Amino acid sequence: MIGDGPYEEYVLSTEELYLLKKSDLLVYETYWEVLCHLHICGQVTGWRSGGIKQISWANYLFPGVNKANPMARLVPSTDNKIFKMISSFTSSYTTESSEDTFKPDTVFESFYYQAIVLMSDRALLAGFLMLWLK
């Protein structure tokens, strides 16, 4: 059980995602939003064995957090900036065979597209709580 153990990174299974979406759409959407930004941060700042460094996540969410300048809120990226990030990684992924509940030839767009939208207050709070509770 998650609540009985020490904190660790946990990714929901497809079945758990389906149940979450069915029971609380707002929490489901916030989960995906934070997960996309976590992966963007990890690829931009560099993954380490257990995920990303806390300071990297803090700097991503709140630019200027450890500088003399005032801390700012993460702003949406420009389309050109996103295009460069997508081009340097993978713009989409197509399943070759059945993967969990996804059929062959299912196409997934890059999670970088999430960065062109202002991060919601809920997702920003969730990101902050990830830092605070770690």
C-alpha atoms as a PDB file:
ATOM      1  CA  MET A   1       0.000   0.000   0.000  1.00  0.00           C
ATOM      2  CA  ILE A   2       1.393   3.367  -1.016  1.00  0.00           C
ATOM      3  CA  GLY A   3       0.423   5.249   2.151  1.00  0.00           C
ATOM      4  CA  ASP A   4       2.143   2.759   4.455  1.00  0.00           C
ATOM      5  CA  GLY A   5       5.590   2.932   2.857  1.00  0.00           C
ATOM      6  CA  PRO A   6       8.259   5.583   2.447  1.00  0.00           C
ATOM      7  CA  TYR A   7       7.917   8.114  -0.349  1.00  0.00           C
ATOM      8  CA  GLU A   8       8.854   6.772  -3.755  1.00  0.00           C
ATOM      9  CA  GLU A   9       8.057   7.679  -7.325  1.00  0.00           C
ATOM     10  CA  TYR A  10       4.989   5.800  -8.495  1.00  0.00           C
ATOM     11  CA  VAL A  11       3.398   5.691 -11.933  1.00  0.00           C
ATOM     12  CA  LEU A  12      -0.212   4.586 -12.118  1.00  0.00           C
ATOM     13  CA  SER A  13      -1.087   1.533 -14.172  1.00  0.00           C
ATOM     14  CA  THR A  14      -3.525   1.806 -17.070  1.00  0.00           C
ATOM     15  CA  GLU A  15      -6.279   0.292 -14.939  1.00  0.00           C
ATOM     16  CA  GLU A  16      -5.604   2.762 -12.115  1.00  0.00           C
ATOM     17  CA  LEU A  17      -5.610   5.642 -14.620  1.00  0.00           C
ATOM     18  CA  TYR A  18      -8.953   4.481 -15.991  1.00  0.00           C
ATOM     19  CA  LEU A  19     -10.447   4.305 -12.484  1.00  0.00           C
ATOM     20  CA  LEU A  20      -9.009   7.717 -11.590  1.00  0.00           C
ATOM     21  CA  LYS A  21     -10.408   9.278 -14.766  1.00  0.00           C
ATOM     22  CA  LYS A  22     -13.800   7.730 -14.064  1.00  0.00           C
ATOM     23  CA  SER A  23     -13.904   8.833 -10.426  1.00  0.00           C
ATOM     24  CA  ASP A  24     -12.251  12.281 -10.555  1.00  0.00           C
ATOM     25  CA  LEU A  25     -11.504  13.814 -13.957  1.00  0.00           C
ATOM     26  CA  LEU A  26      -9.856  16.925 -12.469  1.00  0.00           C
ATOM     27  CA  VAL A  27      -7.315  14.880 -10.494  1.00  0.00           C
ATOM     28  CA  TYR A  28      -6.681  12.716 -13.578  1.00  0.00           C
ATOM     29  CA  GLU A  29      -5.990  15.765 -15.774  1.00  0.00           C
ATOM     30  CA  THR A  30      -3.723  17.308 -13.128  1.00  0.00           C
ATOM     31  CA  TYR A  31      -1.786  14.040 -12.815  1.00  0.00           C
ATOM     32  CA  TRP A  32      -1.120  13.963 -16.566  1.00  0.00           C
ATOM     33  CA  GLU A  33      -0.172  17.633 -16.643  1.00  0.00           C
ATOM     34  CA  VAL A  34       2.383  17.233 -13.843  1.00  0.00           C
ATOM     35  CA  LEU A  35       3.737  14.015 -15.346  1.00  0.00           C
ATOM     36  CA  CYS A  36       4.285  15.717 -18.721  1.00  0.00           C
ATOM     37  CA  HIS A  37       6.144  18.606 -17.090  1.00  0.00           C
ATOM     38  CA  LEU A  38       8.189  16.193 -14.974  1.00  0.00           C
ATOM     39  CA  HIS A  39       9.330  14.403 -18.130  1.00  0.00           C
ATOM     40  CA  ILE A  40      10.100  17.688 -19.891  1.00  0.00           C
ATOM     41  CA  CYS A  41      12.194  18.765 -16.913  1.00  0.00           C
ATOM     42  CA  GLY A  42      13.953  15.398 -16.814  1.00  0.00           C
ATOM     43  CA  GLN A  43      14.923  15.507 -20.465  1.00  0.00           C
ATOM     44  CA  VAL A  44      15.920  19.169 -20.430  1.00  0.00           C
ATOM     45  CA  THR A  45      17.938  19.058 -17.185  1.00  0.00           C
ATOM     46  CA  GLY A  46      19.078  15.434 -17.283  1.00  0.00           C
ATOM     47  CA  TRP A  47      17.713  12.360 -15.566  1.00  0.00           C
ATOM     48  CA  ARG A  48      19.555  10.739 -12.721  1.00  0.00           C
ATOM     49  CA  SER A  49      19.107   7.220 -11.353  1.00  0.00           C
ATOM     50  CA  GLY A  50      16.076   8.036  -9.162  1.00  0.00           C
ATOM     51  CA  GLY A  51      14.425  10.672 -11.347  1.00  0.00           C
ATOM     52  CA  ILE A  52      15.374  14.337 -11.379  1.00  0.00           C
ATOM     53  CA  LYS A  53      17.180  16.436  -8.807  1.00  0.00           C
ATOM     54  CA  GLN A  54      14.913  18.425  -6.525  1.00  0.00           C
ATOM     55  CA  ILE A  55      16.681  21.682  -7.377  1.00  0.00           C
ATOM     56  CA  SER A  56      16.195  20.978 -11.106  1.00  0.00           C
ATOM     57  CA  TRP A  57      12.454  20.445 -10.545  1.00  0.00           C
ATOM     58  CA  ALA A  58      12.251  23.583  -8.363  1.00  0.00           C
ATOM     59  CA  ASN A  59      14.084  25.683 -10.986  1.00  0.00           C
ATOM     60  CA  TYR A  60      11.850  24.305 -13.731  1.00  0.00           C
ATOM     61  CA  LEU A  61       8.608  25.077 -11.870  1.00  0.00           C
ATOM     62  CA  PHE A  62       9.743  28.392 -10.376  1.00  0.00           C
ATOM     63  CA  PRO A  63      12.498  29.988 -12.506  1.00  0.00           C
ATOM     64  CA  GLY A  64      14.800  32.114 -10.373  1.00  0.00           C
ATOM     65  CA  VAL A  65      14.148  30.189  -7.166  1.00  0.00           C
ATOM     66  CA  ASN A  66      17.821  30.037  -6.210  1.00  0.00           C
ATOM     67  CA  LYS A  67      18.982  33.311  -7.750  1.00  0.00           C
ATOM     68  CA  ALA A  68      19.097  36.924  -6.651  1.00  0.00           C
ATOM     69  CA  ASN A  69      16.239  37.753  -9.051  1.00  0.00           C
ATOM     70  CA  PRO A  70      12.662  37.399  -7.844  1.00  0.00           C
ATOM     71  CA  MET A  71      11.186  33.955  -8.301  1.00  0.00           C
ATOM     72  CA  ALA A  72       8.796  33.676 -11.240  1.00  0.00           C
ATOM     73  CA  ARG A  73       6.070  31.314 -12.373  1.00  0.00           C
ATOM     74  CA  LEU A  74       6.795  28.871 -15.200  1.00  0.00           C
ATOM     75  CA  VAL A  75       5.675  30.514 -18.436  1.00  0.00           C
ATOM     76  CA  PRO A  76       4.430  28.678 -21.532  1.00  0.00           C
ATOM     77  CA  SER A  77       7.086  27.894 -24.097  1.00  0.00           C
ATOM     78  CA  THR A  78       6.931  29.334 -27.583  1.00  0.00           C
ATOM     79  CA  ASP A  79       6.048  27.053 -30.479  1.00  0.00           C
ATOM     80  CA  ASN A  80       9.582  27.480 -31.879  1.00  0.00           C
ATOM     81  CA  LYS A  81      11.114  26.463 -28.555  1.00  0.00           C
ATOM     82  CA  ILE A  82       8.843  23.399 -28.366  1.00  0.00           C
ATOM     83  CA  PHE A  83       9.652  22.470 -31.962  1.00  0.00           C
ATOM     84  CA  LYS A  84      13.366  22.522 -31.110  1.00  0.00           C
ATOM     85  CA  MET A  85      12.795  20.301 -28.061  1.00  0.00           C
ATOM     86  CA  ILE A  86      10.608  17.882 -30.011  1.00  0.00           C
ATOM     87  CA  SER A  87      13.104  17.753 -32.876  1.00  0.00           C
ATOM     88  CA  SER A  88      15.948  16.960 -30.504  1.00  0.00           C
ATOM     89  CA  PHE A  89      14.017  14.067 -28.954  1.00  0.00           C
ATOM     90  CA  THR A  90      11.059  12.164 -30.340  1.00  0.00           C
ATOM     91  CA  SER A  91       7.975  13.927 -31.699  1.00  0.00           C
ATOM     92  CA  SER A  92       5.744  10.868 -31.443  1.00  0.00           C
ATOM     93  CA  TYR A  93       5.732   7.208 -30.517  1.00  0.00           C
ATOM     94  CA  THR A  94       3.806   4.461 -32.324  1.00  0.00           C
ATOM     95  CA  THR A  95       3.198   1.125 -30.659  1.00  0.00           C
ATOM     96  CA  GLU A  96       4.367  -1.842 -32.692  1.00  0.00           C
ATOM     97  CA  SER A  97       2.415  -4.442 -30.749  1.00  0.00           C
ATOM     98  CA  SER A  98      -0.184  -4.509 -27.994  1.00  0.00           C
ATOM     99  CA  GLU A  99       1.103  -2.598 -24.975  1.00  0.00           C
ATOM    100  CA  ASP A 100      -1.113  -2.887 -21.931  1.00  0.00           C
ATOM    101  CA  THR A 101      -4.517  -1.764 -23.243  1.00  0.00           C
ATOM    102  CA  PHE A 102      -3.146   0.032 -26.310  1.00  0.00           C
ATOM    103  CA  LYS A 103      -3.498  -1.677 -29.682  1.00  0.00           C
ATOM    104  CA  PRO A 104      -0.689  -1.861 -32.277  1.00  0.00           C
ATOM    105  CA  ASP A 105      -0.210   1.339 -34.312  1.00  0.00           C
ATOM    106  CA  THR A 106      -1.480   3.612 -31.526  1.00  0.00           C
ATOM    107  CA  VAL A 107       0.245   6.994 -31.947  1.00  0.00           C
ATOM    108  CA  PHE A 108       1.175   9.098 -28.938  1.00  0.00           C
ATOM    109  CA  GLU A 109       2.211  12.741 -29.390  1.00  0.00           C
ATOM    110  CA  SER A 110       5.189  14.132 -27.550  1.00  0.00           C
ATOM    111  CA  PHE A 111       4.527  15.330 -24.016  1.00  0.00           C
ATOM    112  CA  TYR A 112       6.374  18.523 -24.974  1.00  0.00           C
ATOM    113  CA  TYR A 113       3.140  19.938 -26.388  1.00  0.00           C
ATOM    114  CA  GLN A 114       1.962  20.372 -22.779  1.00  0.00           C
ATOM    115  CA  ALA A 115       4.589  23.101 -22.380  1.00  0.00           C
ATOM    116  CA  ILE A 116       2.795  25.522 -24.746  1.00  0.00           C
ATOM    117  CA  VAL A 117      -0.054  25.889 -22.237  1.00  0.00           C
ATOM    118  CA  LEU A 118       0.234  27.824 -18.971  1.00  0.00           C
ATOM    119  CA  MET A 119       0.645  25.295 -16.177  1.00  0.00           C
ATOM    120  CA  SER A 120      -2.537  25.182 -14.114  1.00  0.00           C
ATOM    121  CA  ASP A 121      -2.560  26.318 -10.495  1.00  0.00           C
ATOM    122  CA  ARG A 122      -3.459  22.747  -9.456  1.00  0.00           C
ATOM    123  CA  ALA A 123      -0.466  21.270 -11.290  1.00  0.00           C
ATOM    124  CA  LEU A 124       1.866  23.953  -9.958  1.00  0.00           C
ATOM    125  CA  LEU A 125       0.662  23.223  -6.415  1.00  0.00           C
ATOM    126  CA  ALA A 126       1.116  19.479  -7.003  1.00  0.00           C
ATOM    127  CA  GLY A 127       4.668  20.135  -8.248  1.00  0.00           C
ATOM    128  CA  PHE A 128       5.389  22.235  -5.170  1.00  0.00           C
ATOM    129  CA  LEU A 129       4.014  19.509  -2.910  1.00  0.00           C
ATOM    130  CA  MET A 130       6.279  16.980  -4.656  1.00  0.00           C
ATOM    131  CA  LEU A 131       9.235  19.141  -3.583  1.00  0.00           C
ATOM    132  CA  TRP A 132       7.967  19.801  -0.082  1.00  0.00           C
ATOM    133  CA  LEU A 133       7.020  16.208   0.717  1.00  0.00           C
ATOM    134  CA  LYS A 134      10.165  14.618  -0.662  1.00  0.00           C
END
